[in-house]
Amino acid sequence: MIGYGLLAANRSAILDDVVAASQSVYGRRSADEITRFFRTLVGQRYGGLYPQLISDVQARRYLTKAAAEPADQKAS
């Protein structure tokens, strides 16, 4: 079992793994993909060790999408 200290040190890596595992843009559909991922054995393991993971993944995906938008779209 992974200790909490090790988990905290790997939090960013865990977020990267989960974001990569559910590769669509942020939105309702991607939230459904994240939920499906957490029904898998790997997803359940991550969710059990890191309860706030779903909301952190959604936030990271939203920020990544926002950063990738062209400046003219951000202004509108």
PDB file of N, CA and C in Angstrom:
ATOM      1  N   MET A   1       0.838  -1.176   0.000  1.00  0.00           N
ATOM      2  CA  MET A   1       0.000   0.000   0.000  1.00  0.00           C
ATOM      3  C   MET A   1       0.883   1.239   0.000  1.00  0.00           C
ATOM      4  N   ILE A   2       0.485   2.245  -0.733  1.00  0.00           N
ATOM      5  CA  ILE A   2       1.245   3.482  -0.833  1.00  0.00           C
ATOM      6  C   ILE A   2       0.988   4.327   0.403  1.00  0.00           C
ATOM      7  N   GLY A   3       2.063   4.845   1.013  1.00  0.00           N
ATOM      8  CA  GLY A   3       1.926   5.714   2.170  1.00  0.00           C
ATOM      9  C   GLY A   3       1.447   7.091   1.760  1.00  0.00           C
ATOM     10  N   TYR A   4       0.880   7.833   2.715  1.00  0.00           N
ATOM     11  CA  TYR A   4       0.331   9.152   2.399  1.00  0.00           C
ATOM     12  C   TYR A   4       1.409  10.112   1.919  1.00  0.00           C
ATOM     13  N   GLY A   5       2.606  10.067   2.530  1.00  0.00           N
ATOM     14  CA  GLY A   5       3.697  10.947   2.113  1.00  0.00           C
ATOM     15  C   GLY A   5       4.093  10.712   0.668  1.00  0.00           C
ATOM     16  N   LEU A   6       4.206   9.454   0.301  1.00  0.00           N
ATOM     17  CA  LEU A   6       4.541   9.112  -1.076  1.00  0.00           C
ATOM     18  C   LEU A   6       3.428   9.560  -2.015  1.00  0.00           C
ATOM     19  N   LEU A   7       2.191   9.384  -1.594  1.00  0.00           N
ATOM     20  CA  LEU A   7       1.057   9.809  -2.410  1.00  0.00           C
ATOM     21  C   LEU A   7       1.075  11.315  -2.608  1.00  0.00           C
ATOM     22  N   ALA A   8       1.319  12.068  -1.541  1.00  0.00           N
ATOM     23  CA  ALA A   8       1.369  13.524  -1.653  1.00  0.00           C
ATOM     24  C   ALA A   8       2.488  13.949  -2.597  1.00  0.00           C
ATOM     25  N   ALA A   9       3.617  13.267  -2.535  1.00  0.00           N
ATOM     26  CA  ALA A   9       4.739  13.588  -3.412  1.00  0.00           C
ATOM     27  C   ALA A   9       4.409  13.282  -4.868  1.00  0.00           C
ATOM     28  N   ASN A  10       3.545  12.323  -5.097  1.00  0.00           N
ATOM     29  CA  ASN A  10       3.199  11.908  -6.460  1.00  0.00           C
ATOM     30  C   ASN A  10       1.867  12.470  -6.933  1.00  0.00           C
ATOM     31  N   ARG A  11       1.299  13.427  -6.210  1.00  0.00           N
ATOM     32  CA  ARG A  11      -0.025  13.956  -6.548  1.00  0.00           C
ATOM     33  C   ARG A  11      -0.074  14.473  -7.984  1.00  0.00           C
ATOM     34  N   SER A  12       0.924  15.233  -8.389  1.00  0.00           N
ATOM     35  CA  SER A  12       0.947  15.763  -9.743  1.00  0.00           C
ATOM     36  C   SER A  12       1.026  14.640 -10.774  1.00  0.00           C
ATOM     37  N   ALA A  13       1.833  13.631 -10.502  1.00  0.00           N
ATOM     38  CA  ALA A  13       1.949  12.495 -11.421  1.00  0.00           C
ATOM     39  C   ALA A  13       0.633  11.735 -11.518  1.00  0.00           C
ATOM     40  N   ILE A  14      -0.066  11.590 -10.399  1.00  0.00           N
ATOM     41  CA  ILE A  14      -1.367  10.917 -10.407  1.00  0.00           C
ATOM     42  C   ILE A  14      -2.351  11.707 -11.255  1.00  0.00           C
ATOM     43  N   LEU A  15      -2.387  13.032 -11.070  1.00  0.00           N
ATOM     44  CA  LEU A  15      -3.280  13.861 -11.879  1.00  0.00           C
ATOM     45  C   LEU A  15      -2.951  13.709 -13.359  1.00  0.00           C
ATOM     46  N   ASP A  16      -1.665  13.733 -13.697  1.00  0.00           N
ATOM     47  CA  ASP A  16      -1.266  13.561 -15.098  1.00  0.00           C
ATOM     48  C   ASP A  16      -1.745  12.227 -15.650  1.00  0.00           C
ATOM     49  N   ASP A  17      -1.593  11.155 -14.873  1.00  0.00           N
ATOM     50  CA  ASP A  17      -2.031   9.825 -15.307  1.00  0.00           C
ATOM     51  C   ASP A  17      -3.529   9.784 -15.562  1.00  0.00           C
ATOM     52  N   VAL A  18      -4.299  10.348 -14.646  1.00  0.00           N
ATOM     53  CA  VAL A  18      -5.753  10.290 -14.784  1.00  0.00           C
ATOM     54  C   VAL A  18      -6.222  11.173 -15.928  1.00  0.00           C
ATOM     55  N   VAL A  19      -5.631  12.354 -16.077  1.00  0.00           N
ATOM     56  CA  VAL A  19      -5.992  13.219 -17.196  1.00  0.00           C
ATOM     57  C   VAL A  19      -5.679  12.508 -18.513  1.00  0.00           C
ATOM     58  N   ALA A  20      -4.531  11.861 -18.596  1.00  0.00           N
ATOM     59  CA  ALA A  20      -4.169  11.132 -19.814  1.00  0.00           C
ATOM     60  C   ALA A  20      -5.112   9.962 -20.068  1.00  0.00           C
ATOM     61  N   ALA A  21      -5.606   9.345 -19.005  1.00  0.00           N
ATOM     62  CA  ALA A  21      -6.498   8.195 -19.156  1.00  0.00           C
ATOM     63  C   ALA A  21      -7.881   8.592 -19.650  1.00  0.00           C
ATOM     64  N   SER A  22      -8.248   9.844 -19.491  1.00  0.00           N
ATOM     65  CA  SER A  22      -9.563  10.306 -19.942  1.00  0.00           C
ATOM     66  C   SER A  22      -9.360  11.513 -20.847  1.00  0.00           C
ATOM     67  N   GLN A  23      -8.957  11.264 -22.086  1.00  0.00           N
ATOM     68  CA  GLN A  23      -8.375  12.259 -22.977  1.00  0.00           C
ATOM     69  C   GLN A  23      -9.310  13.168 -23.757  1.00  0.00           C
ATOM     70  N   SER A  24     -10.442  13.556 -23.282  1.00  0.00           N
ATOM     71  CA  SER A  24     -11.242  14.491 -24.069  1.00  0.00           C
ATOM     72  C   SER A  24     -11.190  15.869 -23.434  1.00  0.00           C
ATOM     73  N   VAL A  25     -11.711  16.866 -24.144  1.00  0.00           N
ATOM     74  CA  VAL A  25     -11.729  18.220 -23.592  1.00  0.00           C
ATOM     75  C   VAL A  25     -12.705  18.293 -22.432  1.00  0.00           C
ATOM     76  N   TYR A  26     -12.534  19.291 -21.596  1.00  0.00           N
ATOM     77  CA  TYR A  26     -13.387  19.455 -20.421  1.00  0.00           C
ATOM     78  C   TYR A  26     -14.827  19.717 -20.848  1.00  0.00           C
ATOM     79  N   GLY A  27     -15.743  19.175 -20.136  1.00  0.00           N
ATOM     80  CA  GLY A  27     -17.157  19.362 -20.408  1.00  0.00           C
ATOM     81  C   GLY A  27     -17.944  18.229 -19.804  1.00  0.00           C
ATOM     82  N   ARG A  28     -19.231  18.220 -20.035  1.00  0.00           N
ATOM     83  CA  ARG A  28     -20.069  17.185 -19.435  1.00  0.00           C
ATOM     84  C   ARG A  28     -19.615  15.791 -19.865  1.00  0.00           C
ATOM     85  N   ARG A  29     -19.293  15.640 -21.151  1.00  0.00           N
ATOM     86  CA  ARG A  29     -18.862  14.337 -21.641  1.00  0.00           C
ATOM     87  C   ARG A  29     -17.586  13.881 -20.934  1.00  0.00           C
ATOM     88  N   SER A  30     -16.639  14.798 -20.750  1.00  0.00           N
ATOM     89  CA  SER A  30     -15.390  14.404 -20.095  1.00  0.00           C
ATOM     90  C   SER A  30     -15.619  14.065 -18.637  1.00  0.00           C
ATOM     91  N   ALA A  31     -16.552  14.744 -17.980  1.00  0.00           N
ATOM     92  CA  ALA A  31     -16.869  14.405 -16.594  1.00  0.00           C
ATOM     93  C   ALA A  31     -17.399  12.976 -16.537  1.00  0.00           C
ATOM     94  N   ASP A  32     -18.201  12.582 -17.532  1.00  0.00           N
ATOM     95  CA  ASP A  32     -18.690  11.206 -17.596  1.00  0.00           C
ATOM     96  C   ASP A  32     -17.538  10.227 -17.802  1.00  0.00           C
ATOM     97  N   GLU A  33     -16.554  10.612 -18.626  1.00  0.00           N
ATOM     98  CA  GLU A  33     -15.387   9.756 -18.836  1.00  0.00           C
ATOM     99  C   GLU A  33     -14.614   9.577 -17.541  1.00  0.00           C
ATOM    100  N   ILE A  34     -14.470  10.651 -16.787  1.00  0.00           N
ATOM    101  CA  ILE A  34     -13.760  10.570 -15.512  1.00  0.00           C
ATOM    102  C   ILE A  34     -14.506   9.639 -14.566  1.00  0.00           C
ATOM    103  N   THR A  35     -15.821   9.760 -14.513  1.00  0.00           N
ATOM    104  CA  THR A  35     -16.625   8.886 -13.655  1.00  0.00           C
ATOM    105  C   THR A  35     -16.451   7.428 -14.067  1.00  0.00           C
ATOM    106  N   ARG A  36     -16.472   7.151 -15.375  1.00  0.00           N
ATOM    107  CA  ARG A  36     -16.260   5.776 -15.855  1.00  0.00           C
ATOM    108  C   ARG A  36     -14.873   5.274 -15.470  1.00  0.00           C
ATOM    109  N   PHE A  37     -13.869   6.147 -15.575  1.00  0.00           N
ATOM    110  CA  PHE A  37     -12.513   5.744 -15.205  1.00  0.00           C
ATOM    111  C   PHE A  37     -12.465   5.302 -13.745  1.00  0.00           C
ATOM    112  N   PHE A  38     -13.170   6.001 -12.857  1.00  0.00           N
ATOM    113  CA  PHE A  38     -13.129   5.663 -11.442  1.00  0.00           C
ATOM    114  C   PHE A  38     -13.914   4.399 -11.108  1.00  0.00           C
ATOM    115  N   ARG A  39     -14.587   3.820 -12.075  1.00  0.00           N
ATOM    116  CA  ARG A  39     -15.238   2.524 -11.877  1.00  0.00           C
ATOM    117  C   ARG A  39     -14.291   1.371 -12.188  1.00  0.00           C
ATOM    118  N   THR A  40     -13.159   1.675 -12.838  1.00  0.00           N
ATOM    119  CA  THR A  40     -12.170   0.634 -13.127  1.00  0.00           C
ATOM    120  C   THR A  40     -11.363   0.339 -11.869  1.00  0.00           C
ATOM    121  N   LEU A  41     -10.643  -0.786 -11.870  1.00  0.00           N
ATOM    122  CA  LEU A  41      -9.821  -1.138 -10.703  1.00  0.00           C
ATOM    123  C   LEU A  41      -8.762  -0.082 -10.411  1.00  0.00           C
ATOM    124  N   VAL A  42      -8.095   0.398 -11.458  1.00  0.00           N
ATOM    125  CA  VAL A  42      -7.069   1.427 -11.264  1.00  0.00           C
ATOM    126  C   VAL A  42      -7.704   2.707 -10.729  1.00  0.00           C
ATOM    127  N   GLY A  43      -8.821   3.097 -11.303  1.00  0.00           N
ATOM    128  CA  GLY A  43      -9.513   4.298 -10.848  1.00  0.00           C
ATOM    129  C   GLY A  43      -9.969   4.194  -9.406  1.00  0.00           C
ATOM    130  N   GLN A  44     -10.459   3.021  -9.015  1.00  0.00           N
ATOM    131  CA  GLN A  44     -10.893   2.827  -7.628  1.00  0.00           C
ATOM    132  C   GLN A  44      -9.711   2.930  -6.675  1.00  0.00           C
ATOM    133  N   ARG A  45      -8.567   2.427  -7.097  1.00  0.00           N
ATOM    134  CA  ARG A  45      -7.369   2.512  -6.252  1.00  0.00           C
ATOM    135  C   ARG A  45      -6.956   3.974  -6.069  1.00  0.00           C
ATOM    136  N   TYR A  46      -6.908   4.722  -7.170  1.00  0.00           N
ATOM    137  CA  TYR A  46      -6.567   6.143  -7.063  1.00  0.00           C
ATOM    138  C   TYR A  46      -7.596   6.884  -6.208  1.00  0.00           C
ATOM    139  N   GLY A  47      -8.861   6.629  -6.449  1.00  0.00           N
ATOM    140  CA  GLY A  47      -9.920   7.312  -5.705  1.00  0.00           C
ATOM    141  C   GLY A  47      -9.881   7.016  -4.222  1.00  0.00           C
ATOM    142  N   GLY A  48      -9.530   5.787  -3.866  1.00  0.00           N
ATOM    143  CA  GLY A  48      -9.441   5.425  -2.456  1.00  0.00           C
ATOM    144  C   GLY A  48      -8.292   6.105  -1.741  1.00  0.00           C
ATOM    145  N   LEU A  49      -7.205   6.328  -2.462  1.00  0.00           N
ATOM    146  CA  LEU A  49      -6.031   6.952  -1.861  1.00  0.00           C
ATOM    147  C   LEU A  49      -6.095   8.475  -1.884  1.00  0.00           C
ATOM    148  N   TYR A  50      -6.862   9.013  -2.786  1.00  0.00           N
ATOM    149  CA  TYR A  50      -6.853  10.453  -3.035  1.00  0.00           C
ATOM    150  C   TYR A  50      -8.291  10.891  -3.318  1.00  0.00           C
ATOM    151  N   PRO A  51      -9.114  11.060  -2.272  1.00  0.00           N
ATOM    152  CA  PRO A  51     -10.550  11.296  -2.442  1.00  0.00           C
ATOM    153  C   PRO A  51     -10.922  12.530  -3.264  1.00  0.00           C
ATOM    154  N   GLN A  52     -10.080  13.544  -3.300  1.00  0.00           N
ATOM    155  CA  GLN A  52     -10.416  14.762  -4.033  1.00  0.00           C
ATOM    156  C   GLN A  52      -9.963  14.695  -5.489  1.00  0.00           C
ATOM    157  N   LEU A  53      -9.545  13.544  -5.929  1.00  0.00           N
ATOM    158  CA  LEU A  53      -8.956  13.392  -7.252  1.00  0.00           C
ATOM    159  C   LEU A  53      -9.891  13.818  -8.382  1.00  0.00           C
ATOM    160  N   ILE A  54     -11.161  13.447  -8.328  1.00  0.00           N
ATOM    161  CA  ILE A  54     -12.083  13.773  -9.426  1.00  0.00           C
ATOM    162  C   ILE A  54     -12.151  15.276  -9.637  1.00  0.00           C
ATOM    163  N   SER A  55     -12.357  16.049  -8.575  1.00  0.00           N
ATOM    164  CA  SER A  55     -12.466  17.501  -8.750  1.00  0.00           C
ATOM    165  C   SER A  55     -11.137  18.108  -9.185  1.00  0.00           C
ATOM    166  N   ASP A  56     -10.012  17.581  -8.698  1.00  0.00           N
ATOM    167  CA  ASP A  56      -8.710  18.090  -9.127  1.00  0.00           C
ATOM    168  C   ASP A  56      -8.458  17.801 -10.602  1.00  0.00           C
ATOM    169  N   VAL A  57      -8.857  16.625 -11.069  1.00  0.00           N
ATOM    170  CA  VAL A  57      -8.699  16.285 -12.485  1.00  0.00           C
ATOM    171  C   VAL A  57      -9.557  17.213 -13.337  1.00  0.00           C
ATOM    172  N   GLN A  58     -10.800  17.440 -12.936  1.00  0.00           N
ATOM    173  CA  GLN A  58     -11.667  18.325 -13.704  1.00  0.00           C
ATOM    174  C   GLN A  58     -11.102  19.740 -13.751  1.00  0.00           C
ATOM    175  N   ALA A  59     -10.575  20.225 -12.633  1.00  0.00           N
ATOM    176  CA  ALA A  59      -9.986  21.563 -12.602  1.00  0.00           C
ATOM    177  C   ALA A  59      -8.764  21.642 -13.512  1.00  0.00           C
ATOM    178  N   ARG A  60      -7.915  20.626 -13.458  1.00  0.00           N
ATOM    179  CA  ARG A  60      -6.712  20.635 -14.301  1.00  0.00           C
ATOM    180  C   ARG A  60      -7.096  20.603 -15.773  1.00  0.00           C
ATOM    181  N   ARG A  61      -8.076  19.800 -16.134  1.00  0.00           N
ATOM    182  CA  ARG A  61      -8.486  19.721 -17.541  1.00  0.00           C
ATOM    183  C   ARG A  61      -9.067  21.044 -18.007  1.00  0.00           C
ATOM    184  N   TYR A  62      -9.858  21.693 -17.158  1.00  0.00           N
ATOM    185  CA  TYR A  62     -10.437  22.990 -17.502  1.00  0.00           C
ATOM    186  C   TYR A  62      -9.326  24.022 -17.715  1.00  0.00           C
ATOM    187  N   LEU A  63      -8.359  24.081 -16.802  1.00  0.00           N
ATOM    188  CA  LEU A  63      -7.269  25.046 -16.913  1.00  0.00           C
ATOM    189  C   LEU A  63      -6.391  24.766 -18.128  1.00  0.00           C
ATOM    190  N   THR A  64      -6.162  23.496 -18.436  1.00  0.00           N
ATOM    191  CA  THR A  64      -5.365  23.136 -19.609  1.00  0.00           C
ATOM    192  C   THR A  64      -6.066  23.585 -20.882  1.00  0.00           C
ATOM    193  N   LYS A  65      -7.370  23.367 -20.950  1.00  0.00           N
ATOM    194  CA  LYS A  65      -8.137  23.786 -22.123  1.00  0.00           C
ATOM    195  C   LYS A  65      -8.140  25.301 -22.241  1.00  0.00           C
ATOM    196  N   ALA A  66      -8.334  25.997 -21.122  1.00  0.00           N
ATOM    197  CA  ALA A  66      -8.358  27.458 -21.140  1.00  0.00           C
ATOM    198  C   ALA A  66      -7.010  28.025 -21.586  1.00  0.00           C
ATOM    199  N   ALA A  67      -5.930  27.424 -21.156  1.00  0.00           N
ATOM    200  CA  ALA A  67      -4.599  27.893 -21.537  1.00  0.00           C
ATOM    201  C   ALA A  67      -4.324  27.656 -23.018  1.00  0.00           C
ATOM    202  N   ALA A  68      -4.953  26.651 -23.602  1.00  0.00           N
ATOM    203  CA  ALA A  68      -4.719  26.312 -25.001  1.00  0.00           C
ATOM    204  C   ALA A  68      -5.560  27.141 -25.966  1.00  0.00           C
ATOM    205  N   GLU A  69      -6.588  27.827 -25.466  1.00  0.00           N
ATOM    206  CA  GLU A  69      -7.444  28.629 -26.343  1.00  0.00           C
ATOM    207  C   GLU A  69      -6.670  29.830 -26.875  1.00  0.00           C
ATOM    208  N   PRO A  70      -6.897  30.191 -28.131  1.00  0.00           N
ATOM    209  CA  PRO A  70      -6.269  31.405 -28.668  1.00  0.00           C
ATOM    210  C   PRO A  70      -6.731  32.639 -27.887  1.00  0.00           C
ATOM    211  N   ALA A  71      -5.890  33.652 -27.842  1.00  0.00           N
ATOM    212  CA  ALA A  71      -6.179  34.867 -27.071  1.00  0.00           C
ATOM    213  C   ALA A  71      -7.470  35.542 -27.525  1.00  0.00           C
ATOM    214  N   ASP A  72      -7.783  35.511 -28.827  1.00  0.00           N
ATOM    215  CA  ASP A  72      -9.001  36.165 -29.303  1.00  0.00           C
ATOM    216  C   ASP A  72     -10.260  35.476 -28.790  1.00  0.00           C
ATOM    217  N   GLN A  73     -10.216  34.168 -28.570  1.00  0.00           N
ATOM    218  CA  GLN A  73     -11.375  33.470 -28.012  1.00  0.00           C
ATOM    219  C   GLN A  73     -11.538  33.794 -26.541  1.00  0.00           C
ATOM    220  N   LYS A  74     -10.419  33.977 -25.812  1.00  0.00           N
ATOM    221  CA  LYS A  74     -10.485  34.304 -24.397  1.00  0.00           C
ATOM    222  C   LYS A  74     -11.107  35.676 -24.183  1.00  0.00           C
ATOM    223  N   ALA A  75     -10.856  36.606 -25.112  1.00  0.00           N
ATOM    224  CA  ALA A  75     -11.365  37.968 -24.975  1.00  0.00           C
ATOM    225  C   ALA A  75     -12.872  38.042 -25.193  1.00  0.00           C
ATOM    226  N   SER A  76     -13.438  37.091 -25.916  1.00  0.00           N
ATOM    227  CA  SER A  76     -14.879  37.158 -26.209  1.00  0.00           C
ATOM    228  C   SER A  76     -15.730  36.550 -25.144  1.00  0.00           C
TER     229      SER A  76
END
